Amino acid sequence: MVDLTTKYLGMTLKNPLIASASLLTGSLDNVKKLEDSGIAAVVLQSIFEEQINKEIHQIDHFLFRNRDSFSEATEFFPQDEDFDHIRPDAYLEEVARIKQSVDIPVIGSLNGVSDGGWIDYATKLQDAGVDALELNVTYVPTDATLNPREVEEMYIKTIKDLKAHVKIPLSLKMNSCFTNPAFTAKQFEDAGVNALTIFDNPTLVDIDLEELTTLTKVNLTSSSSLSQTLRWCAILYNQLDIDLCANTGIHSGEDVLKALMSGAKATSFASVLFQKGISEVSIMLEFIEQWMIEKEYKSITQMIGSISLEHTDNPAAFERSSYMHALTTYRY
């Protein structure tokens, strides 16, 4: 019998599969179905700044003007005009109900960045019983005069503000759009995060040629989206003393195994659940267990980081972006 348990955010998970924030994790019925399918933890559907703003009537949008860049696609969530019908207190009641009704860890999620009453919701989620908190921050700088260091400082300030308000573990869902993501990740660790989720998955940008306007579209991933996730989990492994969770591109048991070997302690996903259904979780787990038996792995812990930058026999695969080798070895 193989041991599928892993440690993430100070918790022992029964396996490395986490359902990431989406509509599927917004109701008790779905969370129970996910638990029954074998999921180890869930990140609840995010509470968005607009919702909180409707209730507290104060918010500082110093970053949120780029809200359409966030990974939980706007097509999966009510638009601005619908927020009058959404009560944050009802959301918190549902969070508490979910936490009381399932045995798996429940991770809260905040989508946006603010200096105002928004941060108070971290405390409210903690009071509702969540085991940890995931902060979903993606800022796309559009000002050519904005110093990149200022952008990093915005993230760091947000982390520090949150750590001053909550005691539960904090994960940051970061992106790779930094001059040196490894350096920035270390700054986030120093600011107080307990884990990094690699990576946020921005919505797609398009242009409507009939209406002559910009559009944002759902960005469902595939296994082909896994490359950057593997690269940066492998690079960051053992350079940080915090946990890594692989997010973008996890669609199969094979993807999970690759992410663990690159250095992730857990994996989170949503796209595959929309595309194939909640039952896909049990299929992924069955594959992982069978593969481990065939390859004589006794535990998940045994494989974590085994093909990271620190341990691989081909470090150039992670360190170089040149396409020459790929082209010269490609066969029709």
Protein backbone atom coordinates (compact mmCIF):
# COMPACT_ATOMS: atom_id res chain seq x y z
CA MET A 1 0.00 0.00 0.00
CA VAL A 2 1.39 3.41 -0.97
CA ASP A 3 1.22 6.51 1.22
CA LEU A 4 -0.49 9.37 -0.64
CA THR A 5 -0.36 11.89 2.21
CA THR A 6 1.46 15.18 1.93
CA LYS A 7 1.99 18.19 4.19
CA TYR A 8 0.79 21.57 2.94
CA LEU A 9 0.19 24.83 4.83
CA GLY A 10 0.87 23.02 8.08
CA MET A 11 -1.86 20.47 7.37
CA THR A 12 -1.57 16.78 6.58
CA LEU A 13 -3.59 16.14 3.42
CA LYS A 14 -4.73 12.63 2.55
CA ASN A 15 -3.38 13.15 -0.98
CA PRO A 16 -1.95 16.07 -3.01
CA LEU A 17 -5.16 16.96 -4.89
CA ILE A 18 -6.87 20.28 -4.08
CA ALA A 19 -9.89 21.76 -5.86
CA SER A 20 -9.00 25.38 -6.61
CA ALA A 21 -11.37 28.32 -6.27
CA SER A 22 -14.24 28.29 -8.78
CA LEU A 23 -18.01 27.99 -8.94
CA LEU A 24 -17.60 24.30 -8.15
CA THR A 25 -16.32 25.11 -4.68
CA GLY A 26 -19.00 27.69 -3.93
CA SER A 27 -21.69 25.39 -2.55
CA LEU A 28 -21.91 22.72 0.12
CA ASP A 29 -23.36 20.15 -2.31
CA ASN A 30 -20.42 20.44 -4.68
CA VAL A 31 -17.84 20.42 -1.91
CA LYS A 32 -19.40 17.23 -0.54
CA LYS A 33 -19.23 15.66 -4.01
CA LEU A 34 -15.58 16.66 -4.27
CA GLU A 35 -14.90 15.14 -0.85
CA ASP A 36 -16.66 11.92 -1.85
CA SER A 37 -14.58 11.75 -5.04
CA GLY A 38 -11.39 11.80 -2.97
CA ILE A 39 -10.27 15.44 -3.07
CA ALA A 40 -7.94 16.26 -0.17
CA ALA A 41 -8.91 19.92 0.31
CA VAL A 42 -10.87 22.71 -1.35
CA VAL A 43 -10.18 26.38 -1.94
CA LEU A 44 -13.57 28.02 -1.68
CA GLN A 45 -14.97 30.26 -4.37
CA SER A 46 -13.46 33.69 -3.87
CA ILE A 47 -15.09 36.64 -2.21
CA PHE A 48 -14.53 39.58 -4.59
CA GLU A 49 -13.92 43.19 -3.70
CA GLU A 50 -17.10 44.40 -5.41
CA GLN A 51 -19.18 42.22 -3.13
CA ILE A 52 -17.54 43.59 -0.01
CA ASN A 53 -17.77 47.12 -1.35
CA LYS A 54 -21.54 46.81 -1.67
CA GLU A 55 -21.79 46.06 2.05
CA ILE A 56 -19.17 48.26 3.71
CA HIS A 57 -19.28 51.17 1.22
CA GLN A 58 -15.56 51.76 1.42
CA ILE A 59 -12.76 50.29 -0.59
CA ASP A 60 -9.37 51.38 -1.85
CA HIS A 61 -8.96 50.13 -5.41
CA PHE A 62 -5.28 50.89 -5.72
CA LEU A 63 -4.78 47.61 -7.59
CA PHE A 64 -8.22 46.30 -8.40
CA ARG A 65 -8.71 48.46 -11.48
CA ASN A 66 -7.26 45.46 -13.35
CA ARG A 67 -9.80 42.99 -12.00
CA ASP A 68 -10.32 41.25 -15.37
CA SER A 69 -6.83 39.78 -15.12
CA PHE A 70 -7.84 37.50 -12.24
CA SER A 71 -7.92 33.76 -12.83
CA GLU A 72 -11.50 33.10 -11.75
CA ALA A 73 -12.91 34.15 -15.08
CA THR A 74 -15.63 36.77 -15.04
CA GLU A 75 -17.88 34.48 -17.09
CA PHE A 76 -17.92 32.16 -14.06
CA PHE A 77 -18.98 34.93 -11.69
CA PRO A 78 -21.73 37.59 -11.54
CA GLN A 79 -21.02 40.92 -13.20
CA ASP A 80 -20.97 44.27 -11.40
CA GLU A 81 -24.69 44.91 -11.83
CA ASP A 82 -25.48 41.60 -10.13
CA PHE A 83 -23.62 42.32 -6.90
CA ASP A 84 -26.63 44.09 -5.36
CA HIS A 85 -28.18 40.64 -4.99
CA ILE A 86 -25.13 39.06 -3.33
CA ARG A 87 -24.67 39.49 0.40
CA PRO A 88 -21.21 38.90 1.84
CA ASP A 89 -22.75 37.86 5.15
CA ALA A 90 -24.60 35.06 3.32
CA TYR A 91 -21.30 34.03 1.76
CA LEU A 92 -19.70 33.80 5.19
CA GLU A 93 -22.63 31.75 6.48
CA GLU A 94 -22.13 29.29 3.61
CA VAL A 95 -18.40 29.11 4.37
CA ALA A 96 -19.17 28.22 8.00
CA ARG A 97 -21.75 25.64 6.89
CA ILE A 98 -19.28 24.00 4.51
CA LYS A 99 -16.58 23.87 7.15
CA GLN A 100 -18.91 22.25 9.66
CA SER A 101 -20.19 19.68 7.15
CA VAL A 102 -17.01 18.19 5.67
CA ASP A 103 -13.92 16.53 7.08
CA ILE A 104 -11.39 17.84 4.57
CA PRO A 105 -9.51 21.13 5.04
CA VAL A 106 -11.30 24.21 3.74
CA ILE A 107 -9.20 27.11 2.43
CA GLY A 108 -10.74 30.56 2.08
CA SER A 109 -10.00 32.79 -0.90
CA LEU A 110 -9.84 36.56 -1.36
CA ASN A 111 -9.69 37.98 -4.89
CA GLY A 112 -8.31 41.51 -5.14
CA VAL A 113 -6.06 43.89 -3.26
CA SER A 114 -7.07 46.81 -1.03
CA ASP A 115 -6.03 48.85 1.96
CA GLY A 116 -9.58 49.39 3.22
CA GLY A 117 -12.23 47.24 4.87
CA TRP A 118 -11.40 44.43 2.45
CA ILE A 119 -8.66 43.17 4.77
CA ASP A 120 -11.23 42.82 7.56
CA TYR A 121 -12.79 40.02 5.53
CA ALA A 122 -9.69 37.93 6.08
CA THR A 123 -10.54 37.98 9.78
CA LYS A 124 -14.17 37.19 9.05
CA LEU A 125 -13.17 34.18 6.96
CA GLN A 126 -10.90 33.05 9.76
CA ASP A 127 -13.78 33.40 12.23
CA ALA A 128 -15.98 31.38 9.85
CA GLY A 129 -13.59 28.49 10.39
CA VAL A 130 -11.39 28.25 7.29
CA ASP A 131 -8.14 26.37 7.85
CA ALA A 132 -6.03 28.69 5.69
CA LEU A 133 -6.39 31.62 3.32
CA GLU A 134 -5.37 31.95 -0.33
CA LEU A 135 -4.77 35.47 -1.60
CA ASN A 136 -5.38 35.78 -5.34
CA VAL A 137 -3.43 38.81 -6.56
CA THR A 138 -2.64 39.54 -10.16
CA TYR A 139 -1.71 43.07 -11.08
CA VAL A 140 -1.01 43.94 -14.72
CA PRO A 141 0.93 47.24 -14.75
CA THR A 142 -0.23 49.52 -17.55
CA ASP A 143 1.78 52.60 -16.58
CA ALA A 144 5.15 52.73 -18.38
CA THR A 145 6.51 55.02 -15.67
CA LEU A 146 5.70 52.67 -12.79
CA ASN A 147 8.84 51.23 -11.22
CA PRO A 148 8.66 47.39 -11.09
CA ARG A 149 9.85 47.52 -7.49
CA GLU A 150 6.74 49.53 -6.60
CA VAL A 151 4.59 46.69 -7.94
CA GLU A 152 6.43 44.16 -5.79
CA GLU A 153 6.05 46.43 -2.77
CA MET A 154 2.26 46.50 -3.31
CA TYR A 155 2.18 42.72 -2.98
CA ILE A 156 4.50 42.73 0.02
CA LYS A 157 2.46 45.38 1.83
CA THR A 158 -0.72 43.38 1.24
CA ILE A 159 0.87 40.22 2.66
CA LYS A 160 2.13 42.04 5.73
CA ASP A 161 -1.27 43.69 6.31
CA LEU A 162 -2.99 40.33 6.12
CA LYS A 163 -0.50 38.67 8.45
CA ALA A 164 -1.25 41.39 10.99
CA HIS A 165 -4.94 40.46 10.91
CA VAL A 166 -5.02 36.66 10.69
CA LYS A 167 -3.28 33.77 12.41
CA ILE A 168 -4.18 31.03 9.95
CA PRO A 169 -1.66 30.04 7.24
CA LEU A 170 -1.55 32.26 4.15
CA SER A 171 -0.90 31.21 0.56
CA LEU A 172 -0.27 33.68 -2.25
CA LYS A 173 -1.38 32.80 -5.76
CA MET A 174 1.41 34.51 -7.70
CA ASN A 175 2.27 34.88 -11.37
CA SER A 176 5.53 34.73 -13.31
CA CYS A 177 5.38 38.33 -14.58
CA PHE A 178 8.30 39.59 -12.54
CA THR A 179 11.84 40.45 -13.65
CA ASN A 180 13.17 37.74 -11.32
CA PRO A 181 10.33 35.54 -10.04
CA ALA A 182 12.69 33.62 -7.76
CA PHE A 183 13.84 36.82 -6.02
CA THR A 184 10.25 38.06 -5.76
CA ALA A 185 9.10 34.73 -4.34
CA LYS A 186 11.76 35.06 -1.65
CA GLN A 187 10.45 38.54 -0.83
CA PHE A 188 6.96 37.10 -0.44
CA GLU A 189 8.33 34.44 1.89
CA ASP A 190 10.09 37.09 3.96
CA ALA A 191 6.84 39.09 4.10
CA GLY A 192 5.13 36.14 5.76
CA VAL A 193 3.40 33.82 3.30
CA ASN A 194 3.40 30.14 4.18
CA ALA A 195 2.98 28.88 0.61
CA LEU A 196 2.96 29.97 -3.01
CA THR A 197 0.47 28.70 -5.57
CA ILE A 198 2.18 28.51 -8.98
CA PHE A 199 0.60 30.16 -11.02
CA ASP A 200 -2.42 32.37 -11.36
CA ASN A 201 -4.21 31.79 -14.67
CA PRO A 202 -5.30 35.12 -16.23
CA THR A 203 -8.39 35.37 -18.38
CA LEU A 204 -7.96 35.64 -22.13
CA VAL A 205 -8.12 39.05 -23.79
CA ASP A 206 -9.84 39.41 -27.17
CA ILE A 207 -11.37 42.09 -29.40
CA ASP A 208 -14.94 42.06 -30.68
CA LEU A 209 -14.68 43.25 -34.30
CA GLU A 210 -18.43 43.86 -34.54
CA GLU A 211 -18.89 45.85 -31.33
CA LEU A 212 -15.34 47.28 -31.49
CA THR A 213 -14.64 46.60 -27.84
CA THR A 214 -12.34 44.47 -25.75
CA LEU A 215 -13.48 41.18 -24.29
CA THR A 216 -12.33 38.83 -21.56
CA LYS A 217 -12.92 35.13 -22.00
CA VAL A 218 -12.69 32.03 -19.87
CA ASN A 219 -9.17 30.62 -19.95
CA LEU A 220 -9.57 26.91 -19.33
CA THR A 221 -6.16 25.30 -19.22
CA SER A 222 -4.86 22.00 -20.58
CA SER A 223 -1.88 19.81 -19.78
CA SER A 224 0.07 21.84 -22.34
CA SER A 225 -0.17 24.77 -19.87
CA LEU A 226 1.96 22.89 -17.34
CA SER A 227 5.42 23.91 -18.59
CA GLN A 228 5.88 27.16 -16.65
CA THR A 229 4.44 25.55 -13.53
CA LEU A 230 7.01 22.76 -13.69
CA ARG A 231 9.84 25.16 -14.47
CA TRP A 232 9.24 27.43 -11.49
CA CYS A 233 8.36 24.74 -8.98
CA ALA A 234 11.66 23.09 -9.94
CA ILE A 235 13.61 26.34 -9.65
CA LEU A 236 12.08 27.40 -6.33
CA TYR A 237 12.31 23.98 -4.69
CA ASN A 238 14.69 24.16 -1.71
CA GLN A 239 15.42 27.84 -2.38
CA LEU A 240 12.44 28.67 -0.19
CA ASP A 241 11.36 27.35 3.20
CA ILE A 242 7.68 27.56 2.29
CA ASP A 243 5.37 25.15 0.49
CA LEU A 244 4.70 25.16 -3.24
CA CYS A 245 1.36 24.24 -4.80
CA ALA A 246 1.28 23.61 -8.56
CA ASN A 247 -1.82 25.12 -10.12
CA THR A 248 -1.86 25.91 -13.84
CA GLY A 249 -1.98 22.90 -16.18
CA ILE A 250 -2.97 20.11 -13.77
CA HIS A 251 -5.35 17.87 -15.75
CA SER A 252 -4.36 14.27 -15.04
CA GLY A 253 -2.60 11.93 -12.69
CA GLU A 254 0.48 12.26 -14.89
CA ASP A 255 0.44 16.04 -14.42
CA VAL A 256 0.21 15.65 -10.66
CA LEU A 257 3.21 13.31 -10.57
CA LYS A 258 5.28 15.69 -12.72
CA ALA A 259 4.39 18.63 -10.47
CA LEU A 260 5.37 16.72 -7.33
CA MET A 261 8.68 15.65 -8.82
CA SER A 262 9.41 19.24 -9.81
CA GLY A 263 9.03 20.30 -6.17
CA ALA A 264 5.35 20.96 -5.40
CA LYS A 265 3.87 19.53 -2.21
CA ALA A 266 0.33 19.78 -3.53
CA THR A 267 -1.56 20.47 -6.74
CA SER A 268 -4.74 22.48 -7.32
CA PHE A 269 -7.01 22.57 -10.34
CA ALA A 270 -10.43 23.60 -11.63
CA SER A 271 -10.45 23.48 -15.45
CA VAL A 272 -10.41 19.68 -15.64
CA LEU A 273 -13.36 19.54 -13.24
CA PHE A 274 -15.40 21.77 -15.54
CA GLN A 275 -14.36 19.81 -18.61
CA LYS A 276 -14.63 16.24 -17.32
CA GLY A 277 -16.59 16.44 -14.10
CA ILE A 278 -15.89 15.93 -10.41
CA SER A 279 -15.51 12.18 -10.88
CA GLU A 280 -12.18 12.85 -12.62
CA VAL A 281 -10.61 13.23 -9.16
CA SER A 282 -10.98 9.52 -8.43
CA ILE A 283 -9.54 8.65 -11.85
CA MET A 284 -6.48 10.79 -11.17
CA LEU A 285 -5.97 9.20 -7.76
CA GLU A 286 -6.29 5.70 -9.19
CA PHE A 287 -3.64 6.44 -11.80
CA ILE A 288 -1.26 7.96 -9.24
CA GLU A 289 -1.55 5.00 -6.90
CA GLN A 290 -1.10 2.43 -9.68
CA TRP A 291 1.91 4.29 -11.10
CA MET A 292 3.55 4.44 -7.68
CA ILE A 293 3.07 0.71 -7.20
CA GLU A 294 4.57 -0.06 -10.61
CA LYS A 295 7.55 2.25 -10.05
CA GLU A 296 7.99 1.03 -6.45
CA TYR A 297 7.39 4.40 -4.80
CA LYS A 298 6.22 3.99 -1.23
CA SER A 299 5.11 7.56 -0.56
CA ILE A 300 4.36 10.94 -2.10
CA THR A 301 7.02 12.48 0.13
CA GLN A 302 9.62 10.26 -1.51
CA MET A 303 9.11 11.81 -4.94
CA ILE A 304 8.69 15.53 -4.04
CA GLY A 305 11.51 17.50 -5.64
CA SER A 306 13.21 14.39 -7.06
CA ILE A 307 13.48 16.00 -10.51
CA SER A 308 13.79 19.62 -9.41
CA LEU A 309 16.57 21.93 -10.59
CA GLU A 310 18.58 20.73 -7.60
CA HIS A 311 18.36 17.07 -8.59
CA THR A 312 17.80 16.85 -12.34
CA ASP A 313 20.48 15.50 -14.68
CA ASN A 314 19.41 18.13 -17.23
CA PRO A 315 19.35 21.55 -15.50
CA ALA A 316 19.35 23.34 -18.86
CA ALA A 317 15.74 22.25 -19.32
CA PHE A 318 14.77 24.58 -16.47
CA GLU A 319 17.44 27.25 -16.83
CA ARG A 320 17.38 27.97 -20.55
CA SER A 321 14.52 29.14 -22.75
CA SER A 322 16.28 28.44 -26.05
CA TYR A 323 14.18 26.53 -28.54
CA MET A 324 17.10 25.33 -30.69
CA HIS A 325 17.44 21.93 -29.02
CA ALA A 326 13.70 21.35 -29.20
CA LEU A 327 13.68 22.22 -32.89
CA THR A 328 16.71 20.14 -33.81
CA THR A 329 15.39 17.07 -32.01
CA TYR A 330 11.81 17.37 -33.27
CA ARG A 331 10.60 14.54 -35.52
CA TYR A 332 7.57 14.65 -37.80
